[in-house]
Every structure is written in C-alpha cells, then in structure tokens.
Protein backbone atom coordinates (compact mmCIF):
# COMPACT_ATOMS: atom_id res chain seq x y z
CA PRO A 1 -138.92 81.29 129.68
CA ARG A 2 -140.91 83.67 127.57
CA SER A 3 -144.63 83.07 127.29
CA SER A 4 -146.24 82.37 123.93
CA CYS A 5 -147.74 85.85 124.14
CA ASP A 6 -144.25 87.36 124.51
CA ARG A 7 -143.04 85.42 121.47
CA THR A 8 -146.07 86.57 119.48
CA VAL A 9 -145.40 90.20 120.34
CA LYS A 10 -141.73 89.82 119.44
CA ASN A 11 -142.54 88.21 116.10
CA SER A 12 -145.17 90.78 115.19
CA SER A 13 -143.80 93.11 112.56
CA ALA A 14 -143.61 96.85 112.96
CA ALA A 15 -145.83 96.91 109.89
CA THR A 16 -148.67 95.25 111.77
CA MET A 17 -148.36 97.66 114.67
CA ALA A 18 -148.30 100.64 112.33
CA ALA A 19 -151.30 99.37 110.43
CA ARG A 20 -153.31 99.03 113.64
CA CYS A 21 -152.83 102.73 114.36
CA HIS A 22 -153.45 103.82 110.79
CA PRO A 23 -156.63 105.70 109.82
CA PRO A 24 -159.31 103.66 108.02
CA ALA A 25 -158.30 102.90 104.44
CA ARG A 26 -160.00 104.94 101.72
CA PHE A 27 -159.29 106.51 98.35
CA HIS A 28 -157.48 109.79 97.83
CA ARG A 29 -159.42 112.85 96.74
CA VAL A 30 -157.14 113.04 93.70
CA HIS A 31 -158.20 110.55 91.01
CA GLY A 32 -158.83 110.08 87.30
CA THR A 33 -161.37 112.23 85.51
CA ASN A 34 -163.76 109.32 84.92
CA VAL A 35 -163.82 108.20 88.56
CA ARG A 36 -166.63 108.97 90.99
CA LEU A 37 -166.14 108.28 94.70
CA ASP A 38 -168.93 107.75 97.20
CA ALA A 39 -169.24 109.98 100.27
CA SER A 40 -167.00 107.73 102.36
CA ARG A 41 -164.38 107.51 99.61
CA THR A 42 -164.37 103.73 99.94
CA ARG A 43 -166.11 102.99 96.63
CA ALA A 44 -164.70 104.06 93.26
CA THR A 45 -166.72 103.79 90.05
CA ARG A 46 -165.59 104.56 86.51
CA VAL A 47 -168.55 106.34 84.96
CA GLU A 48 -167.38 106.75 81.36
CA SER A 49 -165.17 105.08 78.76
CA PHE A 50 -162.57 102.48 79.79
CA ALA A 51 -159.71 104.74 80.92
CA ASN A 52 -159.04 107.66 83.30
CA GLY A 53 -159.94 105.36 86.18
CA LEU A 54 -156.80 105.87 88.24
CA CYS A 55 -157.19 105.94 92.05
CA PHE A 56 -154.74 106.15 94.96
CA SER A 57 -154.81 105.35 98.65
CA GLN A 58 -155.53 108.34 100.86
CA ASP A 59 -152.37 107.70 102.87
CA PRO A 60 -149.01 106.06 102.21
CA LEU A 61 -148.87 102.40 103.19
CA ALA A 62 -146.85 101.34 106.21
CA PRO A 63 -144.53 98.37 105.55
CA GLY A 64 -146.70 95.25 105.57
CA GLU A 65 -149.97 97.19 105.48
CA ILE A 66 -152.29 95.88 102.76
CA PHE A 67 -154.60 98.05 100.67
CA LEU A 68 -157.44 95.70 99.78
CA VAL A 69 -160.29 96.22 97.31
CA GLU A 70 -163.20 94.08 96.15
CA ILE A 71 -164.49 94.15 92.59
CA GLU A 72 -168.13 95.22 92.84
CA GLU A 73 -169.17 95.82 89.23
CA LYS A 74 -167.98 94.64 85.84
CA GLU A 75 -168.67 96.15 82.42
CA GLY A 76 -168.67 94.08 79.26
CA GLY A 77 -167.28 95.14 75.93
CA TRP A 78 -163.79 96.10 77.09
CA CYS A 79 -160.49 94.24 76.95
CA GLY A 80 -158.45 94.34 80.16
CA HIS A 81 -159.01 94.28 83.90
CA LEU A 82 -158.06 95.86 87.21
CA ARG A 83 -154.50 97.05 87.72
CA VAL A 84 -152.89 97.56 91.12
CA GLY A 85 -149.50 98.60 92.43
CA LEU A 86 -147.51 101.20 94.32
CA THR A 87 -146.16 104.66 93.55
CA ALA A 88 -143.77 107.01 95.30
CA HIS A 89 -145.58 109.99 93.76
CA ASP A 90 -147.77 111.88 96.22
CA PRO A 91 -151.13 112.12 94.38
CA GLN A 92 -151.49 115.69 95.62
CA SER A 93 -148.32 116.65 93.71
CA LEU A 94 -149.60 115.44 90.32
CA ALA A 95 -150.36 118.30 87.97
CA VAL A 96 -152.54 115.96 85.92
CA VAL A 97 -153.64 112.43 86.81
CA PRO A 98 -152.40 110.15 84.02
CA GLU A 99 -154.95 108.45 81.79
CA TYR A 100 -153.48 104.99 82.45
CA SER A 101 -151.39 103.38 85.18
CA LEU A 102 -149.73 101.31 82.44
CA PRO A 103 -147.77 102.81 80.79
CA ASP A 104 -148.39 106.48 81.68
CA LEU A 105 -147.89 106.49 85.47
CA VAL A 106 -145.16 103.86 85.30
CA ASP A 107 -143.30 105.92 82.71
CA MET A 108 -143.11 108.76 85.26
CA GLY A 109 -140.77 106.55 87.30
CA ASP A 110 -140.92 105.30 90.90
CA THR A 111 -144.14 103.41 90.12
CA TRP A 112 -144.76 99.67 89.99
CA VAL A 113 -148.06 98.34 88.61
CA PHE A 114 -149.33 94.79 88.13
CA ALA A 115 -152.07 93.98 85.60
CA ILE A 116 -154.58 91.48 87.00
CA THR A 117 -155.66 88.78 84.55
CA ARG A 118 -158.26 86.03 84.76
CA SER A 119 -155.56 83.48 85.50
CA HIS A 120 -151.78 83.05 85.69
CA ASN A 121 -151.30 85.97 88.07
CA ARG A 122 -148.68 84.26 90.20
CA VAL A 123 -145.16 85.57 89.69
CA VAL A 124 -142.68 82.81 88.81
CA PRO A 125 -139.69 82.90 91.19
CA ASP A 126 -136.20 82.68 89.71
CA GLY A 127 -135.35 79.10 88.82
CA GLU A 128 -138.96 77.90 88.53
CA GLU A 129 -140.44 77.11 85.14
CA THR A 130 -144.11 77.16 86.17
CA PRO A 131 -146.03 79.09 88.81
CA ALA A 132 -145.93 77.44 92.20
CA ARG A 133 -149.18 76.11 93.63
CA ALA A 134 -150.73 77.94 96.54
CA ARG A 135 -149.04 76.73 99.71
CA CYS A 136 -151.49 78.15 102.24
CA PRO A 137 -154.73 76.15 102.69
CA PRO A 138 -157.87 78.34 102.55
CA TRP A 139 -158.80 77.48 106.14
CA GLU A 140 -155.52 78.73 107.64
CA PRO A 141 -156.42 81.82 109.73
CA PHE A 142 -153.42 83.90 108.62
CA LEU A 143 -151.58 84.66 105.41
CA LEU A 144 -147.85 84.82 106.15
CA ILE A 145 -145.54 86.87 103.93
CA GLU A 146 -142.07 86.94 105.43
CA ARG A 147 -142.69 88.58 108.83
CA VAL A 148 -146.04 90.03 107.85
CA ARG A 149 -149.12 88.24 109.17
CA ILE A 150 -152.59 89.15 107.82
CA PRO A 151 -155.93 87.55 108.78
CA ARG A 152 -156.89 85.47 105.74
CA ASP A 153 -160.61 85.54 106.35
CA VAL A 154 -161.10 89.09 105.10
CA LEU A 155 -158.80 88.55 102.10
CA VAL A 156 -160.92 85.87 100.42
CA GLY A 157 -163.67 86.86 98.00
CA ARG A 158 -166.86 84.82 98.26
CA SER A 159 -170.26 84.66 96.59
CA ARG A 160 -173.35 85.74 98.45
CA PRO A 161 -175.59 82.83 99.43
CA GLY A 162 -178.24 82.25 96.80
CA ARG A 163 -180.20 79.56 95.10
CA TYR A 164 -177.20 78.00 93.38
CA SER A 165 -174.32 79.29 95.49
CA HIS A 166 -173.67 75.83 96.96
CA ILE A 167 -172.50 74.71 93.52
CA LEU A 168 -169.57 77.11 93.83
CA ASP A 169 -168.59 76.30 97.41
CA ASP A 170 -165.84 73.84 96.46
CA LEU A 171 -164.37 76.46 94.15
CA TYR A 172 -164.24 79.02 96.94
CA ARG A 173 -162.79 76.53 99.41
CA THR A 174 -159.94 75.75 97.02
CA ASN A 175 -159.63 79.43 96.17
CA VAL A 176 -159.97 79.30 92.39
CA LEU A 177 -162.37 82.20 92.13
CA PRO A 178 -161.14 84.01 88.99
CA ALA A 179 -159.12 87.05 89.94
CA THR A 180 -161.20 89.29 87.69
CA ALA A 181 -164.61 88.05 88.88
CA ARG A 182 -167.12 90.10 90.83
CA ARG A 183 -166.44 89.95 94.58
CA SER A 184 -162.84 88.95 93.97
CA ARG A 185 -160.55 90.69 96.44
CA ILE A 186 -157.20 92.14 95.37
CA GLY A 187 -154.62 93.69 97.66
CA VAL A 188 -151.17 95.24 97.45
CA LEU A 189 -148.48 95.69 100.08
CA HIS A 190 -144.73 96.10 100.42
CA THR A 191 -142.40 94.20 102.73
CA PRO A 192 -139.08 95.55 104.01
CA GLN A 193 -135.88 93.76 103.01
CA PRO A 194 -132.49 93.54 104.79
CA ASP A 195 -130.84 95.83 102.23
CA GLY A 196 -133.22 98.68 103.05
CA THR A 197 -135.42 98.23 99.97
CA ALA A 198 -138.86 96.63 99.75
CA ASP A 199 -140.65 93.98 97.71
CA MET A 200 -144.16 94.56 96.34
CA HIS A 201 -146.65 91.71 96.80
CA ILE A 202 -150.04 91.29 95.16
CA ILE A 203 -152.63 89.29 97.13
CA ILE A 204 -155.54 87.71 95.23
CA ASN A 205 -158.34 86.12 97.25
CA GLY A 206 -156.07 85.30 100.15
CA GLN A 207 -153.11 83.98 98.13
CA ASP A 208 -149.77 85.71 97.75
CA MET A 209 -148.81 86.02 94.09
CA GLY A 210 -145.15 86.42 95.01
CA PRO A 211 -142.88 89.48 94.77
CA SER A 212 -144.10 91.21 91.61
CA ALA A 213 -141.51 93.98 91.99
CA ARG A 214 -138.28 94.04 93.97
CA ARG A 215 -135.88 96.64 95.35
CA LEU A 216 -138.47 99.39 95.76
CA PRO A 217 -136.88 102.44 97.42
CA THR A 218 -138.28 103.16 100.87
CA ALA A 219 -136.88 106.67 101.33
CA ARG A 220 -140.17 108.09 100.02
CA PRO A 221 -143.70 107.14 101.12
CA LEU A 222 -145.43 104.57 98.90
CA TYR A 223 -149.10 104.99 97.96
CA ALA A 224 -151.35 102.22 96.66
CA VAL A 225 -152.42 102.51 93.01
CA VAL A 226 -155.79 101.09 91.88
CA ASP A 227 -156.62 101.50 88.20
CA VAL A 228 -160.34 100.85 87.62
CA PHE A 229 -159.64 99.87 84.05
CA ALA A 230 -161.69 98.44 81.15
CA SER A 231 -163.98 95.60 82.25
CA THR A 232 -163.61 96.51 85.94
CA LYS A 233 -166.18 99.23 86.58
CA SER A 234 -166.38 99.61 90.37
CA VAL A 235 -164.29 98.59 93.38
CA ARG A 236 -164.77 98.96 97.13
CA VAL A 237 -162.09 99.29 99.83
CA ILE A 238 -162.20 96.41 102.33
CA PRO A 239 -160.97 97.26 105.86
CA VAL A 240 -158.42 94.85 107.31
CA GLU A 241 -158.00 94.37 111.05
CA TYR A 242 -154.62 93.06 112.15
CA GLY A 243 -153.80 90.91 115.15
CA LEU A 244 -155.27 87.72 116.53
CA PRO A 245 -158.58 86.55 115.04
CA SER A 246 -161.68 87.13 117.15
CA LEU A 247 -163.60 84.26 118.73
CA GLN A 248 -166.40 85.00 116.25
CA THR A 249 -164.04 84.62 113.31
CA LEU A 250 -162.63 81.36 114.67
CA CYS A 251 -166.16 80.00 115.12
CA ARG A 252 -166.97 80.89 111.53
CA LEU A 253 -163.88 79.06 110.25
CA VAL A 254 -164.83 75.91 112.18
CA ILE A 255 -168.46 76.03 111.02
CA GLN A 256 -167.52 76.55 107.36
CA LYS A 257 -165.00 73.72 107.49
CA HIS A 258 -167.61 71.20 108.64
CA ILE A 259 -170.69 72.02 106.57
CA VAL A 260 -171.56 70.69 103.12
CA HIS A 261 -172.23 74.17 101.74
CA ARG A 262 -173.09 77.59 103.10
CA LEU A 263 -176.81 77.22 102.49
CA ALA A 264 -176.76 74.53 105.18
CA ILE A 265 -175.95 77.24 107.73
CA ASP A 266 -179.64 78.24 107.70
CA GLY A 267 -180.53 74.91 109.32
CA LEU A 268 -178.11 75.32 112.24
CA ASP A 269 -179.35 76.24 115.70
CA LEU A 270 -177.51 79.57 115.76
CA PRO A 271 -178.54 83.21 116.26
CA THR A 272 -179.50 84.91 113.00
CA PRO A 273 -176.65 87.49 113.15
CA LEU A 274 -174.11 84.65 113.54
CA LYS A 275 -175.64 82.80 110.58
CA SER A 276 -175.28 85.92 108.44
CA PHE A 277 -171.71 86.39 109.61
CA CYS A 278 -170.88 82.77 108.75
CA LYS A 279 -172.30 83.24 105.24
CA HIS A 280 -170.20 86.39 104.69
CA GLU A 281 -173.26 88.61 104.25
C-alpha cells in the first residue's frame, strides 16, 4: 500500500510544484505612469490622482500559483477600490499602459479583471440566488481550490497588535475583515480545467470568492493584473510558500486557537521571536 506521503505527492498539483520553483513574486518594471515601485519591486504606490495605477506580475503565473498582495495604504476622497485579475498580454509588449484596467485593458481582449468592493465579493454560482457562506473555517491550515492547495495562514489579513486590537480578534477569526480595508490580502490565480481552459479565482483574506471568470485560454502565458485604483493607494506583494506547513506555523495555529485574544500572547512563557510570529508582526 502507498504511504500517506506517496498519496500526498500524487495529489499535489503540477501548479504547486511549478510555484515552488518560481522566482520570488514581484511587480513588472512596466506599470502605469502614476505608480512608483520600491527597490525590490514588491511595493507599488500610486503617487498622483486616482488612475494610471496599473501593475503586472513580473512573470506569468503557473497554474494554481497565487499572486497575493496586501493593502498597505488607503487614500480618502475617491470612489472605488483595488482591482485584480489576469491578462494574456505581455506587459513588455504594451506600447502604452492603459489608464484603467476596467474598461481600458479589458477592452483590449484576453483580459479578465475583478473589482474588489467592501462586501459582496463572492461570485454566485449558477443556480444559487445568494452568495454561499465561506465553507473553510479560518483555522484550517490549507485553502483547497479543486486540486490546488495553498497554506491559508499567509492568505489572511490581520491587524497588528495594539491597544484595542483584541476588540477585533473575533472579526479576524471569522474572517469578516472588509476586503478593502488596510492589511486586507487579495490574491488571484487560475486553475486548469479538463477542457484545456482555466478558471480565474479571486482569494480575499483566505476565502475563495469562486470562479470569477471561466474558460480562460491557456495557450498564452497569463500575468497577474493589480490596479492600484482610487481609494487604494499602496499595495505590497506577499510571498507564498507552498507545501506542508512548518512546525512553527502549526504551533502558531494552535496557540491562536486557544487564547482569548492576541494581546494575551505577551503573557505566555515563549521566546520573544515566537511571540512576535504568533502575533503576525
């Protein structure tokens, strides 16, 4: 009989294996005129206006590989929020970067973009009248999307511990952090289908919003699209490690599940680095 390890290897998608070997995620050098990237190209900030904030992943995404960003700064006075998606256009081939992902880039064809809103982001499957409730408890170590398995821990946006952060702990445990809030984490990926096409999935704070676009052609590479639009001023790329969770991560999940709130971690008899890790600092 096969060992559990053999079964795990067999069930691991080619996407996961490809993602492991992929270079660290960062933004492409080609971007909108109002975007400024930091030296590592992992932080994108819109420095003027509310538009021309279009960014792309440096490399095409492997099937099942997520491109994940965290909202770092907001800017009041604008209507609208972050937009994410996929495009088959190589950013290097663009004569001019469009002003908007919606509708400009989408109108060029072979582009699928999803506008993030404060609520109601879940895509309603055919035959359902209302969005389905999240089926994956926040403490489950993996998010499963078809054959794709992603460690949930890194996908979930959390507040930094502070004087009143314990008030929000129940909200974070039940994963109702508004999608457009600071430190919210948004990701995009595509999953291969039996007919040779792919479905695009948007992940918000560890929850799959469902296939937001279907039958994407896979003959051309697909790049992530991140539009730092309107009230979203700055985003940061979050690295995602695939595979089994580390012992440290499992310890953190157990500790967080059994404490009243994260401020209580300070009173535990643990090394300081582990306390910081458990509080997501």
